[in-house]
Amino acid sequence: MLVVEFDVKPESLQKFNELIAVNAKASVRDEPGCRQFDVLQDLDNPNHIVLYEVYDSPAAFQAHMGMSHTQAFLSQAKPLVNKQTAFKLNRTVAPPVKS
């Protein structure tokens, strides 16, 4: 599981959102090991974007990082953000998901 936080430059928010939408959709559509890729926007600070990504394994995440859509996003988004922070997380308490 991965959580990535971006502090997006206000003048770049629209472009960033366009780029991350392409990356998120391609990740879920094209990567068998990508289970979830949510793009979240802070209600109090719209320039704070959080990604919540779930992969089957560390190998699936590594495959994601090598994908052309991921590499394109990373290179194009870099000048649009002030700061990026990533957290690799392991689920330790996991109640069943409601259906």
PDB file of N, CA and C in Angstrom:
ATOM      1  N   MET A   1       0.853  -1.163   0.000  1.00  0.00           N
ATOM      2  CA  MET A   1       0.000   0.000   0.000  1.00  0.00           C
ATOM      3  C   MET A   1       0.898   1.225   0.000  1.00  0.00           C
ATOM      4  N   LEU A   2       0.474   2.213  -0.726  1.00  0.00           N
ATOM      5  CA  LEU A   2       1.268   3.429  -0.862  1.00  0.00           C
ATOM      6  C   LEU A   2       0.356   4.638  -0.707  1.00  0.00           C
ATOM      7  N   VAL A   3       0.831   5.616   0.047  1.00  0.00           N
ATOM      8  CA  VAL A   3       0.165   6.912   0.153  1.00  0.00           C
ATOM      9  C   VAL A   3       1.180   7.955  -0.292  1.00  0.00           C
ATOM     10  N   VAL A   4       0.788   8.759  -1.277  1.00  0.00           N
ATOM     11  CA  VAL A   4       1.664   9.817  -1.774  1.00  0.00           C
ATOM     12  C   VAL A   4       0.929  11.143  -1.624  1.00  0.00           C
ATOM     13  N   GLU A   5       1.620  12.120  -1.045  1.00  0.00           N
ATOM     14  CA  GLU A   5       1.042  13.446  -0.868  1.00  0.00           C
ATOM     15  C   GLU A   5       1.777  14.433  -1.758  1.00  0.00           C
ATOM     16  N   PHE A   6       1.010  15.286  -2.411  1.00  0.00           N
ATOM     17  CA  PHE A   6       1.569  16.329  -3.265  1.00  0.00           C
ATOM     18  C   PHE A   6       1.081  17.690  -2.795  1.00  0.00           C
ATOM     19  N   ASP A   7       1.983  18.633  -2.715  1.00  0.00           N
ATOM     20  CA  ASP A   7       1.640  20.036  -2.537  1.00  0.00           C
ATOM     21  C   ASP A   7       1.790  20.657  -3.928  1.00  0.00           C
ATOM     22  N   VAL A   8       0.657  20.822  -4.610  1.00  0.00           N
ATOM     23  CA  VAL A   8       0.656  21.271  -6.002  1.00  0.00           C
ATOM     24  C   VAL A   8       0.640  22.801  -6.052  1.00  0.00           C
ATOM     25  N   LYS A   9       1.429  23.350  -6.953  1.00  0.00           N
ATOM     26  CA  LYS A   9       1.409  24.799  -7.152  1.00  0.00           C
ATOM     27  C   LYS A   9       0.016  25.203  -7.607  1.00  0.00           C
ATOM     28  N   PRO A  10      -0.568  26.243  -6.993  1.00  0.00           N
ATOM     29  CA  PRO A  10      -1.954  26.621  -7.322  1.00  0.00           C
ATOM     30  C   PRO A  10      -2.195  26.821  -8.818  1.00  0.00           C
ATOM     31  N   GLU A  11      -1.259  27.436  -9.510  1.00  0.00           N
ATOM     32  CA  GLU A  11      -1.436  27.697 -10.940  1.00  0.00           C
ATOM     33  C   GLU A  11      -1.305  26.428 -11.788  1.00  0.00           C
ATOM     34  N   SER A  12      -0.875  25.331 -11.169  1.00  0.00           N
ATOM     35  CA  SER A  12      -0.651  24.077 -11.888  1.00  0.00           C
ATOM     36  C   SER A  12      -1.675  23.000 -11.564  1.00  0.00           C
ATOM     37  N   LEU A  13      -2.635  23.315 -10.713  1.00  0.00           N
ATOM     38  CA  LEU A  13      -3.564  22.293 -10.226  1.00  0.00           C
ATOM     39  C   LEU A  13      -4.352  21.623 -11.354  1.00  0.00           C
ATOM     40  N   GLN A  14      -4.882  22.384 -12.278  1.00  0.00           N
ATOM     41  CA  GLN A  14      -5.677  21.802 -13.359  1.00  0.00           C
ATOM     42  C   GLN A  14      -4.835  20.828 -14.186  1.00  0.00           C
ATOM     43  N   LYS A  15      -3.641  21.225 -14.567  1.00  0.00           N
ATOM     44  CA  LYS A  15      -2.761  20.361 -15.353  1.00  0.00           C
ATOM     45  C   LYS A  15      -2.376  19.116 -14.555  1.00  0.00           C
ATOM     46  N   PHE A  16      -2.048  19.284 -13.283  1.00  0.00           N
ATOM     47  CA  PHE A  16      -1.701  18.147 -12.435  1.00  0.00           C
ATOM     48  C   PHE A  16      -2.862  17.155 -12.387  1.00  0.00           C
ATOM     49  N   ASN A  17      -4.076  17.656 -12.184  1.00  0.00           N
ATOM     50  CA  ASN A  17      -5.245  16.782 -12.110  1.00  0.00           C
ATOM     51  C   ASN A  17      -5.464  16.015 -13.417  1.00  0.00           C
ATOM     52  N   GLU A  18      -5.219  16.665 -14.540  1.00  0.00           N
ATOM     53  CA  GLU A  18      -5.335  15.979 -15.830  1.00  0.00           C
ATOM     54  C   GLU A  18      -4.312  14.853 -15.938  1.00  0.00           C
ATOM     55  N   LEU A  19      -3.084  15.127 -15.538  1.00  0.00           N
ATOM     56  CA  LEU A  19      -2.017  14.124 -15.616  1.00  0.00           C
ATOM     57  C   LEU A  19      -2.254  12.948 -14.679  1.00  0.00           C
ATOM     58  N   ILE A  20      -2.665  13.237 -13.450  1.00  0.00           N
ATOM     59  CA  ILE A  20      -2.850  12.142 -12.486  1.00  0.00           C
ATOM     60  C   ILE A  20      -4.062  11.298 -12.849  1.00  0.00           C
ATOM     61  N   ALA A  21      -5.072  11.892 -13.467  1.00  0.00           N
ATOM     62  CA  ALA A  21      -6.236  11.109 -13.905  1.00  0.00           C
ATOM     63  C   ALA A  21      -5.822  10.078 -14.944  1.00  0.00           C
ATOM     64  N   VAL A  22      -4.976  10.465 -15.888  1.00  0.00           N
ATOM     65  CA  VAL A  22      -4.484   9.530 -16.907  1.00  0.00           C
ATOM     66  C   VAL A  22      -3.692   8.409 -16.242  1.00  0.00           C
ATOM     67  N   ASN A  23      -2.798   8.764 -15.325  1.00  0.00           N
ATOM     68  CA  ASN A  23      -1.958   7.772 -14.661  1.00  0.00           C
ATOM     69  C   ASN A  23      -2.791   6.806 -13.814  1.00  0.00           C
ATOM     70  N   ALA A  24      -3.723   7.331 -13.053  1.00  0.00           N
ATOM     71  CA  ALA A  24      -4.543   6.482 -12.184  1.00  0.00           C
ATOM     72  C   ALA A  24      -5.378   5.494 -13.002  1.00  0.00           C
ATOM     73  N   LYS A  25      -6.025   5.989 -14.046  1.00  0.00           N
ATOM     74  CA  LYS A  25      -6.854   5.110 -14.882  1.00  0.00           C
ATOM     75  C   LYS A  25      -6.021   4.046 -15.570  1.00  0.00           C
ATOM     76  N   ALA A  26      -4.859   4.418 -16.098  1.00  0.00           N
ATOM     77  CA  ALA A  26      -3.986   3.443 -16.764  1.00  0.00           C
ATOM     78  C   ALA A  26      -3.450   2.421 -15.775  1.00  0.00           C
ATOM     79  N   SER A  27      -3.150   2.842 -14.564  1.00  0.00           N
ATOM     80  CA  SER A  27      -2.625   1.918 -13.560  1.00  0.00           C
ATOM     81  C   SER A  27      -3.626   0.813 -13.253  1.00  0.00           C
ATOM     82  N   VAL A  28      -4.864   1.181 -13.000  1.00  0.00           N
ATOM     83  CA  VAL A  28      -5.899   0.188 -12.674  1.00  0.00           C
ATOM     84  C   VAL A  28      -6.264  -0.644 -13.900  1.00  0.00           C
ATOM     85  N   ARG A  29      -6.344  -0.018 -15.047  1.00  0.00           N
ATOM     86  CA  ARG A  29      -6.747  -0.703 -16.275  1.00  0.00           C
ATOM     87  C   ARG A  29      -5.665  -1.650 -16.800  1.00  0.00           C
ATOM     88  N   ASP A  30      -4.400  -1.225 -16.755  1.00  0.00           N
ATOM     89  CA  ASP A  30      -3.342  -1.941 -17.458  1.00  0.00           C
ATOM     90  C   ASP A  30      -2.419  -2.779 -16.577  1.00  0.00           C
ATOM     91  N   GLU A  31      -2.496  -2.613 -15.281  1.00  0.00           N
ATOM     92  CA  GLU A  31      -1.580  -3.327 -14.385  1.00  0.00           C
ATOM     93  C   GLU A  31      -2.349  -4.360 -13.568  1.00  0.00           C
ATOM     94  N   PRO A  32      -2.144  -5.651 -13.833  1.00  0.00           N
ATOM     95  CA  PRO A  32      -2.859  -6.680 -13.082  1.00  0.00           C
ATOM     96  C   PRO A  32      -2.630  -6.602 -11.575  1.00  0.00           C
ATOM     97  N   GLY A  33      -1.463  -6.136 -11.143  1.00  0.00           N
ATOM     98  CA  GLY A  33      -1.145  -6.077  -9.720  1.00  0.00           C
ATOM     99  C   GLY A  33      -1.592  -4.822  -9.018  1.00  0.00           C
ATOM    100  N   CYS A  34      -2.178  -3.868  -9.740  1.00  0.00           N
ATOM    101  CA  CYS A  34      -2.690  -2.637  -9.124  1.00  0.00           C
ATOM    102  C   CYS A  34      -4.166  -2.820  -8.826  1.00  0.00           C
ATOM    103  N   ARG A  35      -4.504  -2.895  -7.559  1.00  0.00           N
ATOM    104  CA  ARG A  35      -5.891  -3.138  -7.132  1.00  0.00           C
ATOM    105  C   ARG A  35      -6.697  -1.858  -6.976  1.00  0.00           C
ATOM    106  N   GLN A  36      -6.031  -0.782  -6.598  1.00  0.00           N
ATOM    107  CA  GLN A  36      -6.756   0.454  -6.319  1.00  0.00           C
ATOM    108  C   GLN A  36      -5.811   1.631  -6.496  1.00  0.00           C
ATOM    109  N   PHE A  37      -6.325   2.715  -7.050  1.00  0.00           N
ATOM    110  CA  PHE A  37      -5.536   3.928  -7.233  1.00  0.00           C
ATOM    111  C   PHE A  37      -6.507   5.098  -7.096  1.00  0.00           C
ATOM    112  N   ASP A  38      -6.640   5.594  -5.879  1.00  0.00           N
ATOM    113  CA  ASP A  38      -7.556   6.700  -5.605  1.00  0.00           C
ATOM    114  C   ASP A  38      -6.795   8.018  -5.582  1.00  0.00           C
ATOM    115  N   VAL A  39      -7.396   9.037  -6.170  1.00  0.00           N
ATOM    116  CA  VAL A  39      -6.855  10.391  -6.134  1.00  0.00           C
ATOM    117  C   VAL A  39      -7.799  11.205  -5.259  1.00  0.00           C
ATOM    118  N   LEU A  40      -7.258  11.762  -4.177  1.00  0.00           N
ATOM    119  CA  LEU A  40      -8.062  12.470  -3.185  1.00  0.00           C
ATOM    120  C   LEU A  40      -7.594  13.919  -3.083  1.00  0.00           C
ATOM    121  N   GLN A  41      -8.550  14.816  -2.881  1.00  0.00           N
ATOM    122  CA  GLN A  41      -8.223  16.236  -2.753  1.00  0.00           C
ATOM    123  C   GLN A  41      -8.680  16.717  -1.386  1.00  0.00           C
ATOM    124  N   ASP A  42      -7.792  17.391  -0.692  1.00  0.00           N
ATOM    125  CA  ASP A  42      -8.072  17.944   0.637  1.00  0.00           C
ATOM    126  C   ASP A  42      -9.184  18.992   0.516  1.00  0.00           C
ATOM    127  N   LEU A  43     -10.219  18.851   1.301  1.00  0.00           N
ATOM    128  CA  LEU A  43     -11.342  19.788   1.241  1.00  0.00           C
ATOM    129  C   LEU A  43     -10.963  21.193   1.713  1.00  0.00           C
ATOM    130  N   ASP A  44     -10.009  21.280   2.626  1.00  0.00           N
ATOM    131  CA  ASP A  44      -9.591  22.584   3.151  1.00  0.00           C
ATOM    132  C   ASP A  44      -8.446  23.205   2.372  1.00  0.00           C
ATOM    133  N   ASN A  45      -7.730  22.384   1.613  1.00  0.00           N
ATOM    134  CA  ASN A  45      -6.603  22.877   0.822  1.00  0.00           C
ATOM    135  C   ASN A  45      -6.605  22.130  -0.512  1.00  0.00           C
ATOM    136  N   PRO A  46      -7.249  22.662  -1.535  1.00  0.00           N
ATOM    137  CA  PRO A  46      -7.389  21.957  -2.801  1.00  0.00           C
ATOM    138  C   PRO A  46      -6.071  21.661  -3.510  1.00  0.00           C
ATOM    139  N   ASN A  47      -4.988  22.312  -3.095  1.00  0.00           N
ATOM    140  CA  ASN A  47      -3.677  22.051  -3.704  1.00  0.00           C
ATOM    141  C   ASN A  47      -2.959  20.874  -3.033  1.00  0.00           C
ATOM    142  N   HIS A  48      -3.580  20.304  -2.025  1.00  0.00           N
ATOM    143  CA  HIS A  48      -3.029  19.122  -1.353  1.00  0.00           C
ATOM    144  C   HIS A  48      -3.744  17.895  -1.924  1.00  0.00           C
ATOM    145  N   ILE A  49      -3.008  17.136  -2.736  1.00  0.00           N
ATOM    146  CA  ILE A  49      -3.541  15.948  -3.393  1.00  0.00           C
ATOM    147  C   ILE A  49      -2.896  14.719  -2.765  1.00  0.00           C
ATOM    148  N   VAL A  50      -3.716  13.718  -2.468  1.00  0.00           N
ATOM    149  CA  VAL A  50      -3.239  12.480  -1.855  1.00  0.00           C
ATOM    150  C   VAL A  50      -3.611  11.311  -2.754  1.00  0.00           C
ATOM    151  N   LEU A  51      -2.641  10.454  -3.011  1.00  0.00           N
ATOM    152  CA  LEU A  51      -2.885   9.213  -3.750  1.00  0.00           C
ATOM    153  C   LEU A  51      -2.912   8.065  -2.758  1.00  0.00           C
ATOM    154  N   TYR A  52      -3.882   7.176  -2.924  1.00  0.00           N
ATOM    155  CA  TYR A  52      -3.971   5.956  -2.127  1.00  0.00           C
ATOM    156  C   TYR A  52      -3.930   4.801  -3.110  1.00  0.00           C
ATOM    157  N   GLU A  53      -2.827   4.059  -3.080  1.00  0.00           N
ATOM    158  CA  GLU A  53      -2.596   3.014  -4.074  1.00  0.00           C
ATOM    159  C   GLU A  53      -2.423   1.663  -3.383  1.00  0.00           C
ATOM    160  N   VAL A  54      -3.062   0.631  -3.934  1.00  0.00           N
ATOM    161  CA  VAL A  54      -2.968  -0.712  -3.371  1.00  0.00           C
ATOM    162  C   VAL A  54      -2.462  -1.659  -4.459  1.00  0.00           C
ATOM    163  N   TYR A  55      -1.387  -2.375  -4.121  1.00  0.00           N
ATOM    164  CA  TYR A  55      -0.766  -3.325  -5.039  1.00  0.00           C
ATOM    165  C   TYR A  55      -0.763  -4.715  -4.416  1.00  0.00           C
ATOM    166  N   ASP A  56      -0.755  -5.743  -5.268  1.00  0.00           N
ATOM    167  CA  ASP A  56      -0.738  -7.126  -4.795  1.00  0.00           C
ATOM    168  C   ASP A  56       0.538  -7.477  -4.046  1.00  0.00           C
ATOM    169  N   SER A  57       1.636  -6.829  -4.409  1.00  0.00           N
ATOM    170  CA  SER A  57       2.934  -7.210  -3.849  1.00  0.00           C
ATOM    171  C   SER A  57       3.943  -6.097  -4.120  1.00  0.00           C
ATOM    172  N   PRO A  58       5.098  -6.175  -3.449  1.00  0.00           N
ATOM    173  CA  PRO A  58       6.162  -5.220  -3.779  1.00  0.00           C
ATOM    174  C   PRO A  58       6.579  -5.312  -5.248  1.00  0.00           C
ATOM    175  N   ALA A  59       6.547  -6.503  -5.820  1.00  0.00           N
ATOM    176  CA  ALA A  59       6.902  -6.662  -7.239  1.00  0.00           C
ATOM    177  C   ALA A  59       5.891  -5.940  -8.135  1.00  0.00           C
ATOM    178  N   ALA A  60       4.622  -5.981  -7.764  1.00  0.00           N
ATOM    179  CA  ALA A  60       3.595  -5.280  -8.549  1.00  0.00           C
ATOM    180  C   ALA A  60       3.829  -3.769  -8.489  1.00  0.00           C
ATOM    181  N   PHE A  61       4.247  -3.273  -7.327  1.00  0.00           N
ATOM    182  CA  PHE A  61       4.557  -1.843  -7.210  1.00  0.00           C
ATOM    183  C   PHE A  61       5.775  -1.496  -8.063  1.00  0.00           C
ATOM    184  N   GLN A  62       6.795  -2.333  -8.042  1.00  0.00           N
ATOM    185  CA  GLN A  62       7.980  -2.089  -8.857  1.00  0.00           C
ATOM    186  C   GLN A  62       7.619  -2.069 -10.342  1.00  0.00           C
ATOM    187  N   ALA A  63       6.726  -2.981 -10.748  1.00  0.00           N
ATOM    188  CA  ALA A  63       6.261  -2.989 -12.137  1.00  0.00           C
ATOM    189  C   ALA A  63       5.556  -1.674 -12.460  1.00  0.00           C
ATOM    190  N   HIS A  64       4.740  -1.192 -11.535  1.00  0.00           N
ATOM    191  CA  HIS A  64       4.034   0.084 -11.707  1.00  0.00           C
ATOM    192  C   HIS A  64       5.035   1.211 -11.952  1.00  0.00           C
ATOM    193  N   MET A  65       6.098   1.241 -11.170  1.00  0.00           N
ATOM    194  CA  MET A  65       7.078   2.316 -11.295  1.00  0.00           C
ATOM    195  C   MET A  65       7.792   2.303 -12.646  1.00  0.00           C
ATOM    196  N   GLY A  66       7.862   1.142 -13.277  1.00  0.00           N
ATOM    197  CA  GLY A  66       8.508   1.046 -14.574  1.00  0.00           C
ATOM    198  C   GLY A  66       7.597   1.270 -15.761  1.00  0.00           C
ATOM    199  N   MET A  67       6.300   1.412 -15.520  1.00  0.00           N
ATOM    200  CA  MET A  67       5.343   1.581 -16.611  1.00  0.00           C
ATOM    201  C   MET A  67       5.521   2.949 -17.282  1.00  0.00           C
ATOM    202  N   SER A  68       5.295   2.982 -18.579  1.00  0.00           N
ATOM    203  CA  SER A  68       5.484   4.234 -19.319  1.00  0.00           C
ATOM    204  C   SER A  68       4.530   5.325 -18.832  1.00  0.00           C
ATOM    205  N   HIS A  69       3.299   4.961 -18.464  1.00  0.00           N
ATOM    206  CA  HIS A  69       2.358   5.991 -17.992  1.00  0.00           C
ATOM    207  C   HIS A  69       2.797   6.568 -16.652  1.00  0.00           C
ATOM    208  N   THR A  70       3.418   5.743 -15.806  1.00  0.00           N
ATOM    209  CA  THR A  70       3.923   6.241 -14.524  1.00  0.00           C
ATOM    210  C   THR A  70       5.119   7.160 -14.747  1.00  0.00           C
ATOM    211  N   GLN A  71       6.033   6.736 -15.597  1.00  0.00           N
ATOM    212  CA  GLN A  71       7.215   7.546 -15.884  1.00  0.00           C
ATOM    213  C   GLN A  71       6.832   8.878 -16.524  1.00  0.00           C
ATOM    214  N   ALA A  72       5.850   8.847 -17.422  1.00  0.00           N
ATOM    215  CA  ALA A  72       5.381  10.091 -18.052  1.00  0.00           C
ATOM    216  C   ALA A  72       4.781  11.027 -17.011  1.00  0.00           C
ATOM    217  N   PHE A  73       3.954  10.481 -16.122  1.00  0.00           N
ATOM    218  CA  PHE A  73       3.363  11.309 -15.072  1.00  0.00           C
ATOM    219  C   PHE A  73       4.448  11.944 -14.208  1.00  0.00           C
ATOM    220  N   LEU A  74       5.372  11.116 -13.735  1.00  0.00           N
ATOM    221  CA  LEU A  74       6.407  11.624 -12.826  1.00  0.00           C
ATOM    222  C   LEU A  74       7.225  12.736 -13.465  1.00  0.00           C
ATOM    223  N   SER A  75       7.606  12.572 -14.712  1.00  0.00           N
ATOM    224  CA  SER A  75       8.426  13.603 -15.361  1.00  0.00           C
ATOM    225  C   SER A  75       7.629  14.877 -15.634  1.00  0.00           C
ATOM    226  N   GLN A  76       6.373  14.724 -16.026  1.00  0.00           N
ATOM    227  CA  GLN A  76       5.561  15.908 -16.344  1.00  0.00           C
ATOM    228  C   GLN A  76       5.059  16.622 -15.093  1.00  0.00           C
ATOM    229  N   ALA A  77       4.843  15.882 -14.008  1.00  0.00           N
ATOM    230  CA  ALA A  77       4.290  16.476 -12.789  1.00  0.00           C
ATOM    231  C   ALA A  77       5.348  17.178 -11.938  1.00  0.00           C
ATOM    232  N   LYS A  78       6.593  16.766 -12.075  1.00  0.00           N
ATOM    233  CA  LYS A  78       7.651  17.310 -11.211  1.00  0.00           C
ATOM    234  C   LYS A  78       7.662  18.838 -11.149  1.00  0.00           C
ATOM    235  N   PRO A  79       7.597  19.551 -12.268  1.00  0.00           N
ATOM    236  CA  PRO A  79       7.616  21.017 -12.171  1.00  0.00           C
ATOM    237  C   PRO A  79       6.309  21.626 -11.661  1.00  0.00           C
ATOM    238  N   LEU A  80       5.276  20.819 -11.501  1.00  0.00           N
ATOM    239  CA  LEU A  80       3.973  21.327 -11.076  1.00  0.00           C
ATOM    240  C   LEU A  80       3.782  21.309  -9.563  1.00  0.00           C
ATOM    241  N   VAL A  81       4.726  20.679  -8.845  1.00  0.00           N
ATOM    242  CA  VAL A  81       4.549  20.512  -7.398  1.00  0.00           C
ATOM    243  C   VAL A  81       5.664  21.194  -6.619  1.00  0.00           C
ATOM    244  N   ASN A  82       5.311  21.635  -5.417  1.00  0.00           N
ATOM    245  CA  ASN A  82       6.292  22.194  -4.492  1.00  0.00           C
ATOM    246  C   ASN A  82       6.962  21.098  -3.679  1.00  0.00           C
ATOM    247  N   LYS A  83       6.184  20.055  -3.350  1.00  0.00           N
ATOM    248  CA  LYS A  83       6.689  19.006  -2.465  1.00  0.00           C
ATOM    249  C   LYS A  83       5.919  17.723  -2.723  1.00  0.00           C
ATOM    250  N   GLN A  84       6.632  16.603  -2.616  1.00  0.00           N
ATOM    251  CA  GLN A  84       6.020  15.280  -2.749  1.00  0.00           C
ATOM    252  C   GLN A  84       6.561  14.406  -1.625  1.00  0.00           C
ATOM    253  N   THR A  85       5.666  13.689  -0.939  1.00  0.00           N
ATOM    254  CA  THR A  85       6.051  12.780   0.129  1.00  0.00           C
ATOM    255  C   THR A  85       5.343  11.455  -0.091  1.00  0.00           C
ATOM    256  N   ALA A  86       6.096  10.358   0.023  1.00  0.00           N
ATOM    257  CA  ALA A  86       5.517   9.025  -0.184  1.00  0.00           C
ATOM    258  C   ALA A  86       5.706   8.181   1.064  1.00  0.00           C
ATOM    259  N   PHE A  87       4.688   7.360   1.347  1.00  0.00           N
ATOM    260  CA  PHE A  87       4.713   6.450   2.476  1.00  0.00           C
ATOM    261  C   PHE A  87       4.362   5.057   1.980  1.00  0.00           C
ATOM    262  N   LYS A  88       5.261   4.091   2.163  1.00  0.00           N
ATOM    263  CA  LYS A  88       4.963   2.691   1.866  1.00  0.00           C
ATOM    264  C   LYS A  88       4.432   2.089   3.164  1.00  0.00           C
ATOM    265  N   LEU A  89       3.228   1.545   3.101  1.00  0.00           N
ATOM    266  CA  LEU A  89       2.551   1.076   4.303  1.00  0.00           C
ATOM    267  C   LEU A  89       2.210  -0.404   4.209  1.00  0.00           C
ATOM    268  N   ASN A  90       2.208  -1.044   5.367  1.00  0.00           N
ATOM    269  CA  ASN A  90       1.791  -2.423   5.474  1.00  0.00           C
ATOM    270  C   ASN A  90       0.546  -2.476   6.339  1.00  0.00           C
ATOM    271  N   ARG A  91      -0.478  -3.123   5.893  1.00  0.00           N
ATOM    272  CA  ARG A  91      -1.740  -3.210   6.627  1.00  0.00           C
ATOM    273  C   ARG A  91      -1.565  -4.162   7.800  1.00  0.00           C
ATOM    274  N   THR A  92      -1.777  -3.680   9.025  1.00  0.00           N
ATOM    275  CA  THR A  92      -1.588  -4.509  10.213  1.00  0.00           C
ATOM    276  C   THR A  92      -2.909  -4.898  10.879  1.00  0.00           C
ATOM    277  N   VAL A  93      -3.912  -4.056  10.785  1.00  0.00           N
ATOM    278  CA  VAL A  93      -5.251  -4.367  11.281  1.00  0.00           C
ATOM    279  C   VAL A  93      -6.182  -4.191  10.092  1.00  0.00           C
ATOM    280  N   ALA A  94      -6.834  -5.267   9.720  1.00  0.00           N
ATOM    281  CA  ALA A  94      -7.616  -5.226   8.495  1.00  0.00           C
ATOM    282  C   ALA A  94      -8.971  -5.897   8.681  1.00  0.00           C
ATOM    283  N   PRO A  95      -9.944  -5.151   9.219  1.00  0.00           N
ATOM    284  CA  PRO A  95     -11.298  -5.727   9.276  1.00  0.00           C
ATOM    285  C   PRO A  95     -11.775  -6.016   7.863  1.00  0.00           C
ATOM    286  N   PRO A  96     -12.671  -6.963   7.705  1.00  0.00           N
ATOM    287  CA  PRO A  96     -13.168  -7.269   6.352  1.00  0.00           C
ATOM    288  C   PRO A  96     -13.834  -6.055   5.722  1.00  0.00           C
ATOM    289  N   VAL A  97     -13.701  -5.948   4.413  1.00  0.00           N
ATOM    290  CA  VAL A  97     -14.343  -4.886   3.655  1.00  0.00           C
ATOM    291  C   VAL A  97     -15.817  -5.199   3.545  1.00  0.00           C
ATOM    292  N   LYS A  98     -16.668  -4.225   3.800  1.00  0.00           N
ATOM    293  CA  LYS A  98     -18.107  -4.426   3.661  1.00  0.00           C
ATOM    294  C   LYS A  98     -18.482  -4.537   2.208  1.00  0.00           C
ATOM    295  N   SER A  99     -19.439  -5.394   1.921  1.00  0.00           N
ATOM    296  CA  SER A  99     -19.880  -5.516   0.525  1.00  0.00           C
ATOM    297  C   SER A  99     -21.278  -4.996   0.345  1.00  0.00           C
TER     298      SER A  99
END
